Amino acid sequence: MSTTQQVIRFTDAGGRRLAWGSAGTGPPLVLGGWWCGHLEMDWRNPLFRQFLDLLTERFTVIRYDRPGSGLSDRAGPPATSLAEEVAALAAVIDEVGDRVCLFGGSSGSCVAAAYAATHPRRVDRLVLYGGYANGTDIAGAEARESILAAVARHWGVGSRLLADVFLPEATAAERDELVRLQQACMTKENAAASLAAVYTMDVREHLAAITAPTLVVHRREDRAIPFGLGQDVAARVRGATFVAVDGMDHFPWRGDMVAVARAILSFLTGEQPTERRAAPASPALPALPALSTREIEVLRLVAQGMSDQEIARQLVLSVHTVHRHVANVRQKLDVPSRTAAAARAARAGLI
């Protein structure tokens, strides 16, 4: 179990109280504000903590709740313009008081890109995950209007709809947890205004002006932000590196989080991840009695952070076959995700 502690502080952003937290040791890595987040509730999420622990081994991770959400001032309206969002991020970075590495996810990638373009001396390296250049490209006008109407009319229905979009591979209980998080983060009115702002963000000019070394990461089957939009972001940033990761869940701490963290840490530190060869498979591990020799071999490589494509190359199998083995492993172990399967592998001594 992680012993990393989170320290929460408050600062002023445009006359409003802004909550921000720090955890870990090392140079600062600032995570841009997701449209919906809560410093304390996210911290209690086991998968979120597992992902954060991977980053805090090398960095002091700084997070914040956007104005109008989470622990920040919720008395007034949320930030609904890119300028307001950048000002909130700037207030946090000013508190850190140093050059930072910057990680922007989803709509937070727009905010991070705009900040990096307008404050080039403050950003050492930039990571954009699951992002887009122009919010109107996320979905057609009819789909955007339908989602906004659902959120505005009934936050319970709207938050359920968004949970289904963000977490298509999650269990019902995990989607219920996200519904509770969204409703605890923002009022119905703030949620509708914030989501409308997501669709209006346009950082095409900012992306072209970025000078910091930039990594763009996107999941191939992302249901919230289409894969092609991530490729478009990378094409607009001069010299950007693009990394595609398997999976369809939108959040980086879902699915193959190890692959996401590995790409990020390798880029930020300039160190190549250590390649680990699979040890000979053990067909009779007491902790995993239901798995075949091949399934144990696949599980071992999943636990090492390999994608289905990497496992297929390692074992000389088709990607479809690997995907089927992974699905069988999850079903036999009765676990909801690759991450949970990897945790079982660790407890069984496979890694």
Protein backbone atom coordinates (compact mmCIF):
# COMPACT_ATOMS: atom_id res chain seq x y z
CA MET A 1 0.00 0.00 0.00
CA SER A 2 1.30 3.47 -0.90
CA THR A 3 2.63 5.65 1.91
CA THR A 4 2.67 8.80 -0.24
CA GLN A 5 0.81 11.66 1.41
CA GLN A 6 -1.09 14.46 -0.27
CA VAL A 7 -0.78 18.03 1.05
CA ILE A 8 -3.64 20.37 0.11
CA ARG A 9 -3.21 24.14 0.00
CA PHE A 10 -5.24 27.10 -1.25
CA THR A 11 -4.32 30.09 -3.35
CA ASP A 12 -6.09 33.00 -5.04
CA ALA A 13 -7.06 32.88 -8.69
CA GLY A 14 -8.87 35.97 -9.94
CA GLY A 15 -10.29 36.71 -6.49
CA ARG A 16 -11.51 33.15 -5.91
CA ARG A 17 -10.15 30.38 -3.72
CA LEU A 18 -8.36 27.67 -5.68
CA ALA A 19 -7.50 24.31 -4.05
CA TRP A 20 -4.32 22.54 -5.09
CA GLY A 21 -2.47 19.51 -3.79
CA SER A 22 1.02 18.07 -3.97
CA ALA A 23 2.41 14.58 -3.46
CA GLY A 24 5.74 12.87 -4.01
CA THR A 25 9.30 14.13 -4.27
CA GLY A 26 11.43 15.41 -7.11
CA PRO A 27 10.93 18.09 -9.77
CA PRO A 28 7.40 19.48 -10.16
CA LEU A 29 4.95 17.85 -12.56
CA VAL A 30 1.72 19.86 -12.78
CA LEU A 31 -1.44 18.07 -13.91
CA GLY A 32 -3.78 20.43 -15.74
CA GLY A 33 -7.37 20.66 -14.53
CA TRP A 34 -9.79 18.04 -15.85
CA TRP A 35 -13.24 19.42 -16.47
CA CYS A 36 -14.41 17.49 -13.41
CA GLY A 37 -12.18 16.59 -10.48
CA HIS A 38 -12.00 16.52 -6.69
CA LEU A 39 -8.64 16.46 -4.88
CA GLU A 40 -9.86 14.34 -1.97
CA MET A 41 -12.25 11.98 -3.77
CA ASP A 42 -9.80 11.27 -6.59
CA TRP A 43 -7.12 10.58 -3.98
CA ARG A 44 -9.30 7.85 -2.46
CA ASN A 45 -9.77 6.13 -5.83
CA PRO A 46 -7.46 3.05 -5.82
CA LEU A 47 -6.80 3.10 -9.57
CA PHE A 48 -6.13 6.83 -9.57
CA ARG A 49 -3.72 6.40 -6.66
CA GLN A 50 -1.97 3.52 -8.41
CA PHE A 51 -1.38 5.71 -11.47
CA LEU A 52 -0.28 8.66 -9.35
CA ASP A 53 2.15 6.47 -7.41
CA LEU A 54 3.92 5.63 -10.66
CA LEU A 55 4.49 9.35 -11.25
CA THR A 56 5.37 10.35 -7.69
CA GLU A 57 8.29 7.95 -7.67
CA ARG A 58 10.13 10.50 -9.82
CA PHE A 59 8.19 13.76 -9.48
CA THR A 60 6.33 15.99 -7.08
CA VAL A 61 2.88 15.84 -8.66
CA ILE A 62 0.81 19.02 -8.40
CA ARG A 63 -2.97 18.86 -9.01
CA TYR A 64 -5.77 21.38 -8.59
CA ASP A 65 -9.54 21.69 -8.67
CA ARG A 66 -10.82 24.13 -11.27
CA PRO A 67 -12.78 27.17 -10.00
CA GLY A 68 -16.36 26.13 -9.43
CA SER A 69 -15.51 22.48 -8.72
CA GLY A 70 -14.11 20.15 -6.08
CA LEU A 71 -12.56 21.88 -3.08
CA SER A 72 -12.12 25.18 -4.92
CA ASP A 73 -14.56 28.08 -4.54
CA ARG A 74 -17.94 26.85 -5.79
CA ALA A 75 -20.01 29.89 -4.89
CA GLY A 76 -19.64 31.46 -8.32
CA PRO A 77 -19.67 30.21 -11.89
CA PRO A 78 -17.00 27.89 -13.22
CA ALA A 79 -14.26 29.01 -15.57
CA THR A 80 -15.92 29.07 -18.98
CA SER A 81 -13.21 30.61 -21.15
CA LEU A 82 -9.75 29.42 -22.09
CA ALA A 83 -8.28 32.62 -20.62
CA GLU A 84 -9.88 31.90 -17.22
CA GLU A 85 -8.63 28.31 -17.32
CA VAL A 86 -5.08 29.41 -18.14
CA ALA A 87 -5.20 31.99 -15.34
CA ALA A 88 -6.12 29.27 -12.83
CA LEU A 89 -3.28 27.05 -14.02
CA ALA A 90 -0.90 30.02 -13.89
CA ALA A 91 -1.88 30.72 -10.27
CA VAL A 92 -0.93 27.17 -9.31
CA ILE A 93 2.37 27.24 -11.20
CA ASP A 94 3.20 30.60 -9.61
CA GLU A 95 2.76 28.94 -6.21
CA VAL A 96 5.22 26.23 -7.26
CA GLY A 97 7.61 29.00 -8.24
CA ASP A 98 9.79 27.13 -10.72
CA ARG A 99 9.95 25.72 -14.22
CA VAL A 100 7.65 22.74 -14.40
CA CYS A 101 6.83 19.73 -16.47
CA LEU A 102 3.18 20.03 -17.47
CA PHE A 103 0.62 17.26 -18.05
CA GLY A 104 -2.72 18.17 -19.59
CA GLY A 105 -5.42 15.53 -19.98
CA SER A 106 -8.65 15.69 -21.99
CA SER A 107 -9.91 19.31 -21.99
CA GLY A 108 -7.02 20.06 -19.64
CA SER A 109 -4.75 19.42 -22.60
CA CYS A 110 -6.13 22.57 -24.22
CA VAL A 111 -5.36 24.56 -21.07
CA ALA A 112 -1.86 23.10 -20.80
CA ALA A 113 -1.16 23.78 -24.48
CA ALA A 114 -2.32 27.38 -24.20
CA TYR A 115 -0.21 27.93 -21.08
CA ALA A 116 2.88 26.36 -22.68
CA ALA A 117 2.46 28.57 -25.75
CA THR A 118 2.05 31.79 -23.77
CA HIS A 119 4.53 31.02 -20.94
CA PRO A 120 7.34 29.19 -22.74
CA ARG A 121 9.96 29.97 -20.10
CA ARG A 122 7.94 28.25 -17.37
CA VAL A 123 7.44 24.88 -19.11
CA ASP A 124 10.31 22.41 -19.34
CA ARG A 125 8.41 19.56 -21.03
CA LEU A 126 4.78 19.12 -22.01
CA VAL A 127 2.57 15.99 -22.09
CA LEU A 128 -0.86 16.11 -23.75
CA TYR A 129 -3.08 13.08 -23.12
CA GLY A 130 -6.44 12.30 -24.72
CA GLY A 131 -6.67 15.81 -26.09
CA TYR A 132 -7.98 17.75 -29.05
CA ALA A 133 -7.30 20.99 -30.92
CA ASN A 134 -10.86 22.18 -31.54
CA GLY A 135 -13.79 21.21 -29.31
CA THR A 136 -16.34 21.20 -32.12
CA ASP A 137 -14.50 18.22 -33.61
CA ILE A 138 -15.22 15.98 -30.58
CA ALA A 139 -18.67 15.07 -31.82
CA GLY A 140 -21.29 16.28 -34.28
CA ALA A 141 -23.48 19.23 -33.38
CA GLU A 142 -26.52 17.02 -32.68
CA ALA A 143 -24.55 14.74 -30.32
CA ARG A 144 -23.03 17.69 -28.46
CA GLU A 145 -26.42 19.34 -28.03
CA SER A 146 -27.97 16.09 -26.81
CA ILE A 147 -25.31 15.59 -24.12
CA LEU A 148 -25.48 19.22 -22.99
CA ALA A 149 -29.27 19.06 -22.80
CA ALA A 150 -29.15 15.90 -20.67
CA VAL A 151 -26.69 17.48 -18.22
CA ALA A 152 -28.64 20.75 -18.04
CA ARG A 153 -32.04 19.09 -17.51
CA HIS A 154 -31.08 16.38 -15.04
CA TRP A 155 -27.55 16.10 -13.61
CA GLY A 156 -28.26 12.56 -12.46
CA VAL A 157 -29.05 11.38 -15.98
CA GLY A 158 -26.30 13.54 -17.47
CA SER A 159 -23.62 12.27 -15.11
CA ARG A 160 -24.65 8.68 -15.89
CA LEU A 161 -24.42 9.36 -19.61
CA LEU A 162 -20.93 10.84 -19.23
CA ALA A 163 -19.80 7.92 -17.06
CA ASP A 164 -20.80 5.54 -19.85
CA VAL A 165 -18.80 7.60 -22.35
CA PHE A 166 -15.71 7.95 -20.18
CA LEU A 167 -15.62 4.37 -18.85
CA PRO A 168 -17.01 1.95 -21.44
CA GLU A 169 -14.88 -0.93 -20.09
CA ALA A 170 -15.71 -0.35 -16.41
CA THR A 171 -17.98 -2.37 -14.18
CA ALA A 172 -21.37 -0.99 -13.17
CA ALA A 173 -19.98 -0.26 -9.70
CA GLU A 174 -17.08 1.72 -11.15
CA ARG A 175 -19.41 3.79 -13.32
CA ASP A 176 -21.60 4.40 -10.27
CA GLU A 177 -18.52 5.71 -8.48
CA LEU A 178 -17.81 8.15 -11.30
CA VAL A 179 -21.43 9.32 -11.23
CA ARG A 180 -21.06 10.10 -7.52
CA LEU A 181 -17.76 11.87 -8.11
CA GLN A 182 -19.19 14.10 -10.84
CA GLN A 183 -22.21 15.04 -8.77
CA ALA A 184 -20.02 15.80 -5.75
CA CYS A 185 -17.64 17.91 -7.84
CA MET A 186 -20.11 20.34 -9.38
CA THR A 187 -23.66 21.56 -9.34
CA LYS A 188 -25.87 20.86 -12.34
CA GLU A 189 -25.50 24.46 -13.51
CA ASN A 190 -21.70 24.45 -13.24
CA ALA A 191 -21.47 21.06 -14.93
CA ALA A 192 -23.52 22.26 -17.91
CA ALA A 193 -21.48 25.46 -18.23
CA SER A 194 -18.17 23.61 -17.90
CA LEU A 195 -19.08 20.97 -20.46
CA ALA A 196 -20.24 23.63 -22.90
CA ALA A 197 -16.83 25.29 -22.51
CA VAL A 198 -15.10 21.99 -23.35
CA TYR A 199 -16.81 22.00 -26.74
CA THR A 200 -15.84 25.62 -27.48
CA MET A 201 -12.10 25.40 -26.74
CA ASP A 202 -9.93 26.01 -29.80
CA VAL A 203 -6.15 25.86 -29.35
CA ARG A 204 -5.04 25.33 -32.94
CA GLU A 205 -2.98 28.53 -32.95
CA HIS A 206 -1.53 27.77 -29.50
CA LEU A 207 -0.42 24.29 -30.56
CA ALA A 208 1.52 25.78 -33.46
CA ALA A 209 3.29 28.19 -31.09
CA ILE A 210 4.52 25.59 -28.55
CA THR A 211 8.31 25.41 -28.26
CA ALA A 212 8.68 22.99 -25.32
CA PRO A 213 9.45 19.33 -26.13
CA THR A 214 6.02 17.72 -26.33
CA LEU A 215 4.63 14.20 -25.99
CA VAL A 216 1.11 13.40 -27.19
CA VAL A 217 -0.51 10.19 -25.87
CA HIS A 218 -3.88 8.87 -26.98
CA ARG A 219 -5.82 5.63 -26.63
CA ARG A 220 -6.67 3.99 -29.92
CA GLU A 221 -10.35 3.36 -29.14
CA ASP A 222 -11.03 6.34 -26.85
CA ARG A 223 -14.82 6.75 -26.75
CA ALA A 224 -14.76 10.31 -25.38
CA ILE A 225 -12.14 11.97 -27.60
CA PRO A 226 -11.60 10.16 -30.95
CA PHE A 227 -8.12 8.83 -31.68
CA GLY A 228 -7.78 10.95 -34.81
CA LEU A 229 -8.03 14.13 -32.74
CA GLY A 230 -4.96 13.08 -30.77
CA GLN A 231 -3.07 12.49 -34.00
CA ASP A 232 -4.17 15.93 -35.15
CA VAL A 233 -2.79 17.50 -31.95
CA ALA A 234 0.57 15.85 -32.49
CA ALA A 235 0.70 17.02 -36.09
CA ARG A 236 0.14 20.63 -35.02
CA VAL A 237 2.99 20.75 -32.46
CA ARG A 238 6.38 21.13 -34.07
CA GLY A 239 8.58 18.10 -33.31
CA ALA A 240 6.00 16.40 -31.07
CA THR A 241 6.29 12.70 -30.22
CA PHE A 242 3.09 10.66 -30.58
CA VAL A 243 2.42 7.47 -28.61
CA ALA A 244 -0.69 5.35 -29.18
CA VAL A 245 -1.92 3.16 -26.31
CA ASP A 246 -4.46 0.34 -26.49
CA GLY A 247 -7.84 0.69 -24.81
CA MET A 248 -11.06 2.69 -24.93
CA ASP A 249 -11.43 4.12 -21.39
CA HIS A 250 -10.68 7.85 -21.44
CA PHE A 251 -8.90 8.31 -18.12
CA PRO A 252 -5.17 7.48 -18.06
CA TRP A 253 -5.49 5.64 -14.73
CA ARG A 254 -7.88 3.16 -16.33
CA GLY A 255 -6.94 0.18 -18.49
CA ASP A 256 -3.25 -0.25 -19.23
CA MET A 257 -2.13 2.60 -16.99
CA VAL A 258 1.40 1.19 -16.85
CA ALA A 259 1.86 1.73 -20.58
CA VAL A 260 0.66 5.34 -20.24
CA ALA A 261 2.89 6.04 -17.23
CA ARG A 262 5.86 4.36 -18.88
CA ALA A 263 5.54 6.57 -21.98
CA ILE A 264 5.21 9.69 -19.83
CA LEU A 265 8.13 8.93 -17.51
CA SER A 266 10.40 7.90 -20.36
CA PHE A 267 9.71 11.21 -22.11
CA LEU A 268 9.99 13.40 -19.03
CA THR A 269 13.17 11.84 -17.68
CA GLY A 270 14.85 11.10 -20.99
CA GLU A 271 15.41 7.51 -19.84
CA GLN A 272 14.32 4.50 -21.85
CA PRO A 273 12.22 2.01 -19.85
CA THR A 274 14.02 -1.17 -18.94
CA GLU A 275 12.93 -4.09 -21.09
CA ARG A 276 12.14 -7.16 -19.04
CA ARG A 277 12.11 -10.64 -20.55
CA ALA A 278 9.47 -13.08 -19.46
CA ALA A 279 10.72 -15.83 -17.18
CA PRO A 280 9.72 -19.42 -18.02
CA ALA A 281 6.04 -19.90 -17.39
CA SER A 282 4.97 -21.79 -14.33
CA PRO A 283 1.95 -23.98 -15.03
CA ALA A 284 1.05 -24.65 -11.42
CA LEU A 285 0.93 -21.54 -9.26
CA PRO A 286 -1.36 -22.04 -6.26
CA ALA A 287 -2.63 -18.44 -6.41
CA LEU A 288 -3.78 -18.81 -10.01
CA PRO A 289 -5.13 -22.37 -10.31
CA ALA A 290 -7.59 -21.69 -13.12
CA LEU A 291 -5.13 -20.34 -15.69
CA SER A 292 -3.42 -22.25 -18.46
CA THR A 293 0.31 -22.06 -19.04
CA ARG A 294 -0.20 -19.66 -21.96
CA GLU A 295 -2.59 -17.47 -19.96
CA ILE A 296 -0.06 -17.22 -17.13
CA GLU A 297 2.59 -16.23 -19.66
CA VAL A 298 0.30 -13.52 -21.09
CA LEU A 299 -0.63 -12.31 -17.61
CA ARG A 300 3.04 -11.96 -16.70
CA LEU A 301 3.61 -9.69 -19.70
CA VAL A 302 0.46 -7.67 -18.92
CA ALA A 303 1.85 -7.11 -15.42
CA GLN A 304 5.08 -5.83 -16.97
CA GLY A 305 3.10 -3.10 -18.70
CA MET A 306 3.08 -4.51 -22.22
CA SER A 307 0.26 -3.71 -24.66
CA ASP A 308 -1.53 -6.43 -26.59
CA GLN A 309 0.59 -5.59 -29.65
CA GLU A 310 3.83 -5.89 -27.66
CA ILE A 311 2.74 -9.20 -26.15
CA ALA A 312 1.83 -10.50 -29.61
CA ARG A 313 5.31 -9.67 -30.89
CA GLN A 314 6.97 -11.20 -27.84
CA LEU A 315 5.04 -14.47 -28.04
CA VAL A 316 4.66 -14.55 -31.84
CA LEU A 317 0.86 -14.55 -31.66
CA SER A 318 -1.82 -12.51 -33.36
CA VAL A 319 -3.15 -9.46 -31.51
CA HIS A 320 -6.62 -11.02 -31.61
CA THR A 321 -5.34 -14.14 -29.86
CA VAL A 322 -3.63 -12.08 -27.17
CA HIS A 323 -6.77 -10.02 -26.66
CA ARG A 324 -8.76 -13.24 -26.20
CA HIS A 325 -6.23 -14.57 -23.67
CA VAL A 326 -6.41 -11.33 -21.69
CA ALA A 327 -10.22 -11.46 -21.71
CA ASN A 328 -10.11 -15.08 -20.51
CA VAL A 329 -7.69 -14.19 -17.71
CA ARG A 330 -9.91 -11.36 -16.50
CA GLN A 331 -12.97 -13.62 -16.58
CA LYS A 332 -11.28 -16.51 -14.75
CA LEU A 333 -9.80 -14.25 -12.07
CA ASP A 334 -13.07 -12.29 -11.83
CA VAL A 335 -11.28 -8.92 -12.07
CA PRO A 336 -12.62 -5.79 -13.83
CA SER A 337 -9.47 -4.60 -15.59
CA ARG A 338 -5.96 -5.37 -16.82
CA THR A 339 -4.64 -3.43 -13.83
CA ALA A 340 -6.49 -5.66 -11.37
CA ALA A 341 -5.19 -8.72 -13.21
CA ALA A 342 -1.66 -7.33 -12.97
CA ALA A 343 -2.12 -6.88 -9.23
CA ARG A 344 -3.10 -10.55 -8.92
CA ALA A 345 0.00 -11.48 -10.91
CA ALA A 346 2.16 -9.51 -8.49
CA ARG A 347 0.61 -11.22 -5.48
CA ALA A 348 1.22 -14.59 -7.15
CA GLY A 349 4.89 -13.81 -7.59
CA LEU A 350 4.84 -13.63 -11.39
CA ILE A 351 6.77 -10.30 -11.42
